[in-house]
Amino acid sequence: MKYVVVFEKASNNWCAFVPDLPGCVTTGDTLEETKELIREAIEFHMEGYVEDDEPLPAHSCVDAAVVEVNVPEGARFAEPVYPLWDPESSEAAEVAD
């Protein structure tokens, strides 16, 4: 089974979460580490549902992509409260297999 995973770059680490599995979140020092940790977190999260004899949440995310848009001239980016993603970065995280 595949899940859509959102990877966000913070100032000192990476974060990942799974929209279809509320509370399934992890952080890591590198993107590669975070990919492995979120895979483990998904499996652990699913095991918890099974142990509690609860159904897994409905699988609603079927696709994800990074979409490039034209930013209007004169637009400014606000300083994020928690810097999650560098909009100037050309590196886009691949969805974990």
PDB file of N, CA and C in Angstrom:
ATOM      1  N   MET A   1       0.846  -1.174   0.000  1.00  0.00           N
ATOM      2  CA  MET A   1       0.000   0.000   0.000  1.00  0.00           C
ATOM      3  C   MET A   1       0.888   1.232   0.000  1.00  0.00           C
ATOM      4  N   LYS A   2       0.443   2.266  -0.669  1.00  0.00           N
ATOM      5  CA  LYS A   2       1.192   3.516  -0.722  1.00  0.00           C
ATOM      6  C   LYS A   2       0.380   4.625  -0.070  1.00  0.00           C
ATOM      7  N   TYR A   3       1.083   5.513   0.628  1.00  0.00           N
ATOM      8  CA  TYR A   3       0.473   6.689   1.234  1.00  0.00           C
ATOM      9  C   TYR A   3       1.171   7.931   0.721  1.00  0.00           C
ATOM     10  N   VAL A   4       0.410   9.008   0.577  1.00  0.00           N
ATOM     11  CA  VAL A   4       0.995  10.308   0.263  1.00  0.00           C
ATOM     12  C   VAL A   4       1.638  10.822   1.545  1.00  0.00           C
ATOM     13  N   VAL A   5       2.888  11.257   1.433  1.00  0.00           N
ATOM     14  CA  VAL A   5       3.634  11.798   2.568  1.00  0.00           C
ATOM     15  C   VAL A   5       4.063  13.210   2.203  1.00  0.00           C
ATOM     16  N   VAL A   6       3.878  14.138   3.125  1.00  0.00           N
ATOM     17  CA  VAL A   6       4.309  15.516   2.927  1.00  0.00           C
ATOM     18  C   VAL A   6       5.624  15.698   3.670  1.00  0.00           C
ATOM     19  N   PHE A   7       6.652  16.144   2.935  1.00  0.00           N
ATOM     20  CA  PHE A   7       7.958  16.419   3.524  1.00  0.00           C
ATOM     21  C   PHE A   7       8.156  17.924   3.559  1.00  0.00           C
ATOM     22  N   GLU A   8       8.565  18.438   4.699  1.00  0.00           N
ATOM     23  CA  GLU A   8       8.792  19.875   4.848  1.00  0.00           C
ATOM     24  C   GLU A   8      10.191  20.104   5.388  1.00  0.00           C
ATOM     25  N   LYS A   9      10.876  21.074   4.826  1.00  0.00           N
ATOM     26  CA  LYS A   9      12.224  21.429   5.278  1.00  0.00           C
ATOM     27  C   LYS A   9      12.107  22.527   6.317  1.00  0.00           C
ATOM     28  N   ALA A  10      12.577  22.270   7.514  1.00  0.00           N
ATOM     29  CA  ALA A  10      12.640  23.276   8.572  1.00  0.00           C
ATOM     30  C   ALA A  10      14.050  23.849   8.590  1.00  0.00           C
ATOM     31  N   SER A  11      14.295  24.794   9.463  1.00  0.00           N
ATOM     32  CA  SER A  11      15.607  25.435   9.482  1.00  0.00           C
ATOM     33  C   SER A  11      16.723  24.472   9.887  1.00  0.00           C
ATOM     34  N   ASN A  12      16.442  23.506  10.751  1.00  0.00           N
ATOM     35  CA  ASN A  12      17.489  22.608  11.236  1.00  0.00           C
ATOM     36  C   ASN A  12      17.230  21.129  10.984  1.00  0.00           C
ATOM     37  N   ASN A  13      16.091  20.792  10.381  1.00  0.00           N
ATOM     38  CA  ASN A  13      15.779  19.377  10.167  1.00  0.00           C
ATOM     39  C   ASN A  13      14.687  19.241   9.116  1.00  0.00           C
ATOM     40  N   TRP A  14      14.180  18.027   8.964  1.00  0.00           N
ATOM     41  CA  TRP A  14      13.078  17.734   8.064  1.00  0.00           C
ATOM     42  C   TRP A  14      11.910  17.208   8.885  1.00  0.00           C
ATOM     43  N   CYS A  15      10.701  17.421   8.395  1.00  0.00           N
ATOM     44  CA  CYS A  15       9.491  16.909   9.021  1.00  0.00           C
ATOM     45  C   CYS A  15       8.705  16.173   7.945  1.00  0.00           C
ATOM     46  N   ALA A  16       7.983  15.148   8.350  1.00  0.00           N
ATOM     47  CA  ALA A  16       7.111  14.425   7.422  1.00  0.00           C
ATOM     48  C   ALA A  16       5.825  14.064   8.143  1.00  0.00           C
ATOM     49  N   PHE A  17       4.710  14.123   7.405  1.00  0.00           N
ATOM     50  CA  PHE A  17       3.441  13.685   7.965  1.00  0.00           C
ATOM     51  C   PHE A  17       2.600  13.057   6.865  1.00  0.00           C
ATOM     52  N   VAL A  18       1.618  12.271   7.299  1.00  0.00           N
ATOM     53  CA  VAL A  18       0.752  11.535   6.383  1.00  0.00           C
ATOM     54  C   VAL A  18      -0.673  12.061   6.535  1.00  0.00           C
ATOM     55  N   PRO A  19      -1.182  12.793   5.546  1.00  0.00           N
ATOM     56  CA  PRO A  19      -2.534  13.355   5.670  1.00  0.00           C
ATOM     57  C   PRO A  19      -3.614  12.321   5.965  1.00  0.00           C
ATOM     58  N   ASP A  20      -3.465  11.105   5.461  1.00  0.00           N
ATOM     59  CA  ASP A  20      -4.485  10.073   5.685  1.00  0.00           C
ATOM     60  C   ASP A  20      -4.375   9.377   7.033  1.00  0.00           C
ATOM     61  N   LEU A  21      -3.310   9.624   7.782  1.00  0.00           N
ATOM     62  CA  LEU A  21      -3.133   8.998   9.093  1.00  0.00           C
ATOM     63  C   LEU A  21      -2.888  10.089  10.140  1.00  0.00           C
ATOM     64  N   PRO A  22      -3.951  10.679  10.657  1.00  0.00           N
ATOM     65  CA  PRO A  22      -3.791  11.766  11.625  1.00  0.00           C
ATOM     66  C   PRO A  22      -2.854  11.375  12.773  1.00  0.00           C
ATOM     67  N   GLY A  23      -1.910  12.256  13.059  1.00  0.00           N
ATOM     68  CA  GLY A  23      -0.962  12.013  14.138  1.00  0.00           C
ATOM     69  C   GLY A  23       0.274  11.254  13.712  1.00  0.00           C
ATOM     70  N   CYS A  24       0.346  10.826  12.474  1.00  0.00           N
ATOM     71  CA  CYS A  24       1.513  10.099  11.993  1.00  0.00           C
ATOM     72  C   CYS A  24       2.524  11.119  11.467  1.00  0.00           C
ATOM     73  N   VAL A  25       3.489  11.440  12.314  1.00  0.00           N
ATOM     74  CA  VAL A  25       4.446  12.510  12.058  1.00  0.00           C
ATOM     75  C   VAL A  25       5.830  12.056  12.514  1.00  0.00           C
ATOM     76  N   THR A  26       6.855  12.553  11.846  1.00  0.00           N
ATOM     77  CA  THR A  26       8.217  12.294  12.299  1.00  0.00           C
ATOM     78  C   THR A  26       9.122  13.432  11.855  1.00  0.00           C
ATOM     79  N   THR A  27      10.311  13.486  12.428  1.00  0.00           N
ATOM     80  CA  THR A  27      11.327  14.441  12.005  1.00  0.00           C
ATOM     81  C   THR A  27      12.655  13.706  11.881  1.00  0.00           C
ATOM     82  N   GLY A  28      13.546  14.260  11.082  1.00  0.00           N
ATOM     83  CA  GLY A  28      14.867  13.687  10.905  1.00  0.00           C
ATOM     84  C   GLY A  28      15.859  14.766  10.514  1.00  0.00           C
ATOM     85  N   ASP A  29      17.121  14.433  10.629  1.00  0.00           N
ATOM     86  CA  ASP A  29      18.184  15.391  10.297  1.00  0.00           C
ATOM     87  C   ASP A  29      18.331  15.595   8.794  1.00  0.00           C
ATOM     88  N   THR A  30      18.039  14.562   8.017  1.00  0.00           N
ATOM     89  CA  THR A  30      18.175  14.634   6.559  1.00  0.00           C
ATOM     90  C   THR A  30      16.885  14.131   5.920  1.00  0.00           C
ATOM     91  N   LEU A  31      16.715  14.433   4.639  1.00  0.00           N
ATOM     92  CA  LEU A  31      15.543  13.946   3.916  1.00  0.00           C
ATOM     93  C   LEU A  31      15.545  12.421   3.877  1.00  0.00           C
ATOM     94  N   GLU A  32      16.686  11.823   3.596  1.00  0.00           N
ATOM     95  CA  GLU A  32      16.760  10.354   3.530  1.00  0.00           C
ATOM     96  C   GLU A  32      16.384   9.715   4.865  1.00  0.00           C
ATOM     97  N   GLU A  33      16.901  10.260   5.965  1.00  0.00           N
ATOM     98  CA  GLU A  33      16.563   9.732   7.285  1.00  0.00           C
ATOM     99  C   GLU A  33      15.069   9.885   7.543  1.00  0.00           C
ATOM    100  N   THR A  34      14.512  11.027   7.178  1.00  0.00           N
ATOM    101  CA  THR A  34      13.096  11.293   7.401  1.00  0.00           C
ATOM    102  C   THR A  34      12.224  10.344   6.586  1.00  0.00           C
ATOM    103  N   LYS A  35      12.640  10.011   5.375  1.00  0.00           N
ATOM    104  CA  LYS A  35      11.889   9.044   4.556  1.00  0.00           C
ATOM    105  C   LYS A  35      11.831   7.687   5.250  1.00  0.00           C
ATOM    106  N   GLU A  36      12.942   7.249   5.780  1.00  0.00           N
ATOM    107  CA  GLU A  36      12.961   5.956   6.470  1.00  0.00           C
ATOM    108  C   GLU A  36      12.128   6.016   7.751  1.00  0.00           C
ATOM    109  N   LEU A  37      12.256   7.103   8.501  1.00  0.00           N
ATOM    110  CA  LEU A  37      11.509   7.230   9.753  1.00  0.00           C
ATOM    111  C   LEU A  37      10.004   7.298   9.514  1.00  0.00           C
ATOM    112  N   ILE A  38       9.560   7.972   8.452  1.00  0.00           N
ATOM    113  CA  ILE A  38       8.111   8.047   8.208  1.00  0.00           C
ATOM    114  C   ILE A  38       7.579   6.696   7.756  1.00  0.00           C
ATOM    115  N   ARG A  39       8.377   5.942   7.016  1.00  0.00           N
ATOM    116  CA  ARG A  39       7.952   4.587   6.628  1.00  0.00           C
ATOM    117  C   ARG A  39       7.725   3.744   7.893  1.00  0.00           C
ATOM    118  N   GLU A  40       8.668   3.824   8.829  1.00  0.00           N
ATOM    119  CA  GLU A  40       8.532   3.095  10.094  1.00  0.00           C
ATOM    120  C   GLU A  40       7.342   3.613  10.896  1.00  0.00           C
ATOM    121  N   ALA A  41       7.136   4.932  10.893  1.00  0.00           N
ATOM    122  CA  ALA A  41       6.028   5.524  11.644  1.00  0.00           C
ATOM    123  C   ALA A  41       4.681   5.072  11.079  1.00  0.00           C
ATOM    124  N   ILE A  42       4.580   4.985   9.762  1.00  0.00           N
ATOM    125  CA  ILE A  42       3.328   4.533   9.137  1.00  0.00           C
ATOM    126  C   ILE A  42       3.026   3.103   9.568  1.00  0.00           C
ATOM    127  N   GLU A  43       4.019   2.239   9.497  1.00  0.00           N
ATOM    128  CA  GLU A  43       3.808   0.837   9.885  1.00  0.00           C
ATOM    129  C   GLU A  43       3.430   0.730  11.359  1.00  0.00           C
ATOM    130  N   PHE A  44       4.109   1.488  12.209  1.00  0.00           N
ATOM    131  CA  PHE A  44       3.816   1.475  13.645  1.00  0.00           C
ATOM    132  C   PHE A  44       2.400   2.009  13.902  1.00  0.00           C
ATOM    133  N   HIS A  45       2.043   3.072  13.212  1.00  0.00           N
ATOM    134  CA  HIS A  45       0.729   3.687  13.357  1.00  0.00           C
ATOM    135  C   HIS A  45      -0.369   2.688  12.984  1.00  0.00           C
ATOM    136  N   MET A  46      -0.162   1.983  11.865  1.00  0.00           N
ATOM    137  CA  MET A  46      -1.148   1.006  11.414  1.00  0.00           C
ATOM    138  C   MET A  46      -1.265  -0.149  12.400  1.00  0.00           C
ATOM    139  N   GLU A  47      -0.138  -0.594  12.959  1.00  0.00           N
ATOM    140  CA  GLU A  47      -0.159  -1.669  13.956  1.00  0.00           C
ATOM    141  C   GLU A  47      -1.003  -1.273  15.167  1.00  0.00           C
ATOM    142  N   GLY A  48      -0.952   0.008  15.545  1.00  0.00           N
ATOM    143  CA  GLY A  48      -1.744   0.482  16.671  1.00  0.00           C
ATOM    144  C   GLY A  48      -3.236   0.350  16.411  1.00  0.00           C
ATOM    145  N   TYR A  49      -3.654   0.674  15.191  1.00  0.00           N
ATOM    146  CA  TYR A  49      -5.066   0.517  14.845  1.00  0.00           C
ATOM    147  C   TYR A  49      -5.472  -0.953  14.934  1.00  0.00           C
ATOM    148  N   VAL A  50      -4.624  -1.842  14.422  1.00  0.00           N
ATOM    149  CA  VAL A  50      -4.937  -3.272  14.436  1.00  0.00           C
ATOM    150  C   VAL A  50      -5.006  -3.777  15.879  1.00  0.00           C
ATOM    151  N   GLU A  51      -4.026  -3.400  16.696  1.00  0.00           N
ATOM    152  CA  GLU A  51      -4.018  -3.846  18.102  1.00  0.00           C
ATOM    153  C   GLU A  51      -5.244  -3.353  18.857  1.00  0.00           C
ATOM    154  N   ASP A  52      -5.727  -2.165  18.514  1.00  0.00           N
ATOM    155  CA  ASP A  52      -6.909  -1.606  19.168  1.00  0.00           C
ATOM    156  C   ASP A  52      -8.208  -2.064  18.498  1.00  0.00           C
ATOM    157  N   ASP A  53      -8.097  -2.954  17.509  1.00  0.00           N
ATOM    158  CA  ASP A  53      -9.240  -3.463  16.751  1.00  0.00           C
ATOM    159  C   ASP A  53     -10.059  -2.326  16.156  1.00  0.00           C
ATOM    160  N   GLU A  54      -9.359  -1.315  15.634  1.00  0.00           N
ATOM    161  CA  GLU A  54      -9.986  -0.160  14.999  1.00  0.00           C
ATOM    162  C   GLU A  54      -9.703  -0.209  13.494  1.00  0.00           C
ATOM    163  N   PRO A  55     -10.635   0.253  12.688  1.00  0.00           N
ATOM    164  CA  PRO A  55     -10.364   0.305  11.239  1.00  0.00           C
ATOM    165  C   PRO A  55      -9.360   1.418  10.939  1.00  0.00           C
ATOM    166  N   LEU A  56      -8.558   1.214   9.924  1.00  0.00           N
ATOM    167  CA  LEU A  56      -7.639   2.259   9.481  1.00  0.00           C
ATOM    168  C   LEU A  56      -8.459   3.412   8.915  1.00  0.00           C
ATOM    169  N   PRO A  57      -7.982   4.653   9.069  1.00  0.00           N
ATOM    170  CA  PRO A  57      -8.704   5.777   8.467  1.00  0.00           C
ATOM    171  C   PRO A  57      -8.835   5.584   6.962  1.00  0.00           C
ATOM    172  N   ALA A  58      -9.902   6.120   6.404  1.00  0.00           N
ATOM    173  CA  ALA A  58     -10.132   6.013   4.959  1.00  0.00           C
ATOM    174  C   ALA A  58      -8.948   6.599   4.206  1.00  0.00           C
ATOM    175  N   HIS A  59      -8.588   5.925   3.145  1.00  0.00           N
ATOM    176  CA  HIS A  59      -7.468   6.337   2.309  1.00  0.00           C
ATOM    177  C   HIS A  59      -8.009   7.308   1.263  1.00  0.00           C
ATOM    178  N   SER A  60      -7.745   8.614   1.441  1.00  0.00           N
ATOM    179  CA  SER A  60      -8.341   9.584   0.527  1.00  0.00           C
ATOM    180  C   SER A  60      -7.344  10.249  -0.413  1.00  0.00           C
ATOM    181  N   CYS A  61      -6.070  10.307  -0.032  1.00  0.00           N
ATOM    182  CA  CYS A  61      -5.068  10.942  -0.893  1.00  0.00           C
ATOM    183  C   CYS A  61      -4.649   9.962  -1.978  1.00  0.00           C
ATOM    184  N   VAL A  62      -4.874  10.336  -3.222  1.00  0.00           N
ATOM    185  CA  VAL A  62      -4.534   9.435  -4.319  1.00  0.00           C
ATOM    186  C   VAL A  62      -3.350   9.921  -5.140  1.00  0.00           C
ATOM    187  N   ASP A  63      -2.966  11.194  -4.971  1.00  0.00           N
ATOM    188  CA  ASP A  63      -1.858  11.725  -5.739  1.00  0.00           C
ATOM    189  C   ASP A  63      -1.357  12.994  -5.064  1.00  0.00           C
ATOM    190  N   ALA A  64      -0.127  13.338  -5.346  1.00  0.00           N
ATOM    191  CA  ALA A  64       0.445  14.580  -4.834  1.00  0.00           C
ATOM    192  C   ALA A  64       1.504  15.045  -5.817  1.00  0.00           C
ATOM    193  N   ALA A  65       1.720  16.338  -5.837  1.00  0.00           N
ATOM    194  CA  ALA A  65       2.719  16.894  -6.734  1.00  0.00           C
ATOM    195  C   ALA A  65       3.189  18.235  -6.191  1.00  0.00           C
ATOM    196  N   VAL A  66       4.352  18.621  -6.608  1.00  0.00           N
ATOM    197  CA  VAL A  66       4.833  19.971  -6.355  1.00  0.00           C
ATOM    198  C   VAL A  66       4.452  20.781  -7.587  1.00  0.00           C
ATOM    199  N   VAL A  67       3.752  21.873  -7.378  1.00  0.00           N
ATOM    200  CA  VAL A  67       3.260  22.682  -8.481  1.00  0.00           C
ATOM    201  C   VAL A  67       4.003  24.011  -8.481  1.00  0.00           C
ATOM    202  N   GLU A  68       4.608  24.341  -9.611  1.00  0.00           N
ATOM    203  CA  GLU A  68       5.308  25.614  -9.741  1.00  0.00           C
ATOM    204  C   GLU A  68       4.335  26.662 -10.254  1.00  0.00           C
ATOM    205  N   VAL A  69       4.346  27.823  -9.623  1.00  0.00           N
ATOM    206  CA  VAL A  69       3.465  28.915 -10.029  1.00  0.00           C
ATOM    207  C   VAL A  69       4.281  30.181 -10.239  1.00  0.00           C
ATOM    208  N   ASN A  70       3.730  31.106 -10.984  1.00  0.00           N
ATOM    209  CA  ASN A  70       4.356  32.416 -11.163  1.00  0.00           C
ATOM    210  C   ASN A  70       3.916  33.303 -10.014  1.00  0.00           C
ATOM    211  N   VAL A  71       4.882  33.871  -9.320  1.00  0.00           N
ATOM    212  CA  VAL A  71       4.587  34.760  -8.199  1.00  0.00           C
ATOM    213  C   VAL A  71       4.424  36.174  -8.757  1.00  0.00           C
ATOM    214  N   PRO A  72       3.339  36.855  -8.379  1.00  0.00           N
ATOM    215  CA  PRO A  72       3.116  38.194  -8.894  1.00  0.00           C
ATOM    216  C   PRO A  72       4.279  39.133  -8.557  1.00  0.00           C
ATOM    217  N   GLU A  73       4.602  40.002  -9.493  1.00  0.00           N
ATOM    218  CA  GLU A  73       5.662  40.977  -9.273  1.00  0.00           C
ATOM    219  C   GLU A  73       5.321  41.820  -8.047  1.00  0.00           C
ATOM    220  N   GLY A  74       6.294  42.027  -7.196  1.00  0.00           N
ATOM    221  CA  GLY A  74       6.102  42.821  -5.993  1.00  0.00           C
ATOM    222  C   GLY A  74       5.633  42.020  -4.790  1.00  0.00           C
ATOM    223  N   ALA A  75       5.331  40.726  -4.985  1.00  0.00           N
ATOM    224  CA  ALA A  75       4.886  39.900  -3.860  1.00  0.00           C
ATOM    225  C   ALA A  75       6.043  39.675  -2.897  1.00  0.00           C
ATOM    226  N   ARG A  76       5.724  39.591  -1.621  1.00  0.00           N
ATOM    227  CA  ARG A  76       6.726  39.313  -0.589  1.00  0.00           C
ATOM    228  C   ARG A  76       6.263  38.097   0.204  1.00  0.00           C
ATOM    229  N   PHE A  77       7.221  37.298   0.627  1.00  0.00           N
ATOM    230  CA  PHE A  77       6.894  36.160   1.487  1.00  0.00           C
ATOM    231  C   PHE A  77       7.029  36.593   2.936  1.00  0.00           C
ATOM    232  N   ALA A  78       6.030  36.286   3.738  1.00  0.00           N
ATOM    233  CA  ALA A  78       6.075  36.583   5.166  1.00  0.00           C
ATOM    234  C   ALA A  78       7.098  35.676   5.830  1.00  0.00           C
ATOM    235  N   GLU A  79       7.654  36.144   6.911  1.00  0.00           N
ATOM    236  CA  GLU A  79       8.550  35.303   7.701  1.00  0.00           C
ATOM    237  C   GLU A  79       7.704  34.230   8.371  1.00  0.00           C
ATOM    238  N   PRO A  80       7.993  32.958   8.117  1.00  0.00           N
ATOM    239  CA  PRO A  80       7.185  31.895   8.721  1.00  0.00           C
ATOM    240  C   PRO A  80       7.437  31.810  10.218  1.00  0.00           C
ATOM    241  N   VAL A  81       6.395  31.450  10.945  1.00  0.00           N
ATOM    242  CA  VAL A  81       6.532  31.232  12.383  1.00  0.00           C
ATOM    243  C   VAL A  81       7.429  30.022  12.611  1.00  0.00           C
ATOM    244  N   TYR A  82       7.244  29.004  11.779  1.00  0.00           N
ATOM    245  CA  TYR A  82       8.044  27.792  11.830  1.00  0.00           C
ATOM    246  C   TYR A  82       8.470  27.535  10.398  1.00  0.00           C
ATOM    247  N   PRO A  83       9.706  27.825  10.027  1.00  0.00           N
ATOM    248  CA  PRO A  83      10.098  27.702   8.620  1.00  0.00           C
ATOM    249  C   PRO A  83      10.022  26.260   8.122  1.00  0.00           C
ATOM    250  N   LEU A  84       8.976  25.972   7.378  1.00  0.00           N
ATOM    251  CA  LEU A  84       8.730  24.605   6.930  1.00  0.00           C
ATOM    252  C   LEU A  84       9.329  24.287   5.573  1.00  0.00           C
ATOM    253  N   TRP A  85       9.383  25.262   4.678  1.00  0.00           N
ATOM    254  CA  TRP A  85       9.822  24.960   3.322  1.00  0.00           C
ATOM    255  C   TRP A  85      10.447  26.202   2.731  1.00  0.00           C
ATOM    256  N   ASP A  86      11.553  26.048   2.077  1.00  0.00           N
ATOM    257  CA  ASP A  86      12.225  27.170   1.434  1.00  0.00           C
ATOM    258  C   ASP A  86      11.676  27.309   0.023  1.00  0.00           C
ATOM    259  N   PRO A  87      10.851  28.339  -0.240  1.00  0.00           N
ATOM    260  CA  PRO A  87      10.238  28.456  -1.568  1.00  0.00           C
ATOM    261  C   PRO A  87      11.257  28.688  -2.673  1.00  0.00           C
ATOM    262  N   GLU A  88      12.478  29.079  -2.336  1.00  0.00           N
ATOM    263  CA  GLU A  88      13.512  29.305  -3.342  1.00  0.00           C
ATOM    264  C   GLU A  88      14.288  28.027  -3.668  1.00  0.00           C
ATOM    265  N   SER A  89      14.090  26.988  -2.879  1.00  0.00           N
ATOM    266  CA  SER A  89      14.829  25.743  -3.065  1.00  0.00           C
ATOM    267  C   SER A  89      14.352  25.021  -4.313  1.00  0.00           C
ATOM    268  N   SER A  90      15.293  24.494  -5.079  1.00  0.00           N
ATOM    269  CA  SER A  90      14.919  23.723  -6.261  1.00  0.00           C
ATOM    270  C   SER A  90      14.765  22.250  -5.923  1.00  0.00           C
ATOM    271  N   GLU A  91      15.104  21.890  -4.682  1.00  0.00           N
ATOM    272  CA  GLU A  91      14.998  20.489  -4.277  1.00  0.00           C
ATOM    273  C   GLU A  91      13.580  20.172  -3.846  1.00  0.00           C
ATOM    274  N   ALA A  92      12.964  19.224  -4.487  1.00  0.00           N
ATOM    275  CA  ALA A  92      11.619  18.789  -4.116  1.00  0.00           C
ATOM    276  C   ALA A  92      11.711  17.344  -3.630  1.00  0.00           C
ATOM    277  N   ALA A  93      11.062  17.067  -2.526  1.00  0.00           N
ATOM    278  CA  ALA A  93      11.102  15.721  -1.960  1.00  0.00           C
ATOM    279  C   ALA A  93      10.274  14.774  -2.818  1.00  0.00           C
ATOM    280  N   GLU A  94      10.802  13.598  -3.056  1.00  0.00           N
ATOM    281  CA  GLU A  94      10.042  12.576  -3.765  1.00  0.00           C
ATOM    282  C   GLU A  94       9.162  11.858  -2.753  1.00  0.00           C
ATOM    283  N   VAL A  95       7.993  11.438  -3.183  1.00  0.00           N
ATOM    284  CA  VAL A  95       7.116  10.696  -2.309  1.00  0.00           C
ATOM    285  C   VAL A  95       7.735   9.333  -2.044  1.00  0.00           C
ATOM    286  N   ALA A  96       7.735   8.927  -0.779  1.00  0.00           N
ATOM    287  CA  ALA A  96       8.340   7.640  -0.404  1.00  0.00           C
ATOM    288  C   ALA A  96       7.602   6.488  -1.074  1.00  0.00           C
ATOM    289  N   ASP A  97       8.364   5.485  -1.475  1.00  0.00           N
ATOM    290  CA  ASP A  97       7.748   4.295  -2.080  1.00  0.00           C
ATOM    291  C   ASP A  97       7.023   3.475  -1.053  1.00  0.00           C
TER     292      ASP A  97
END
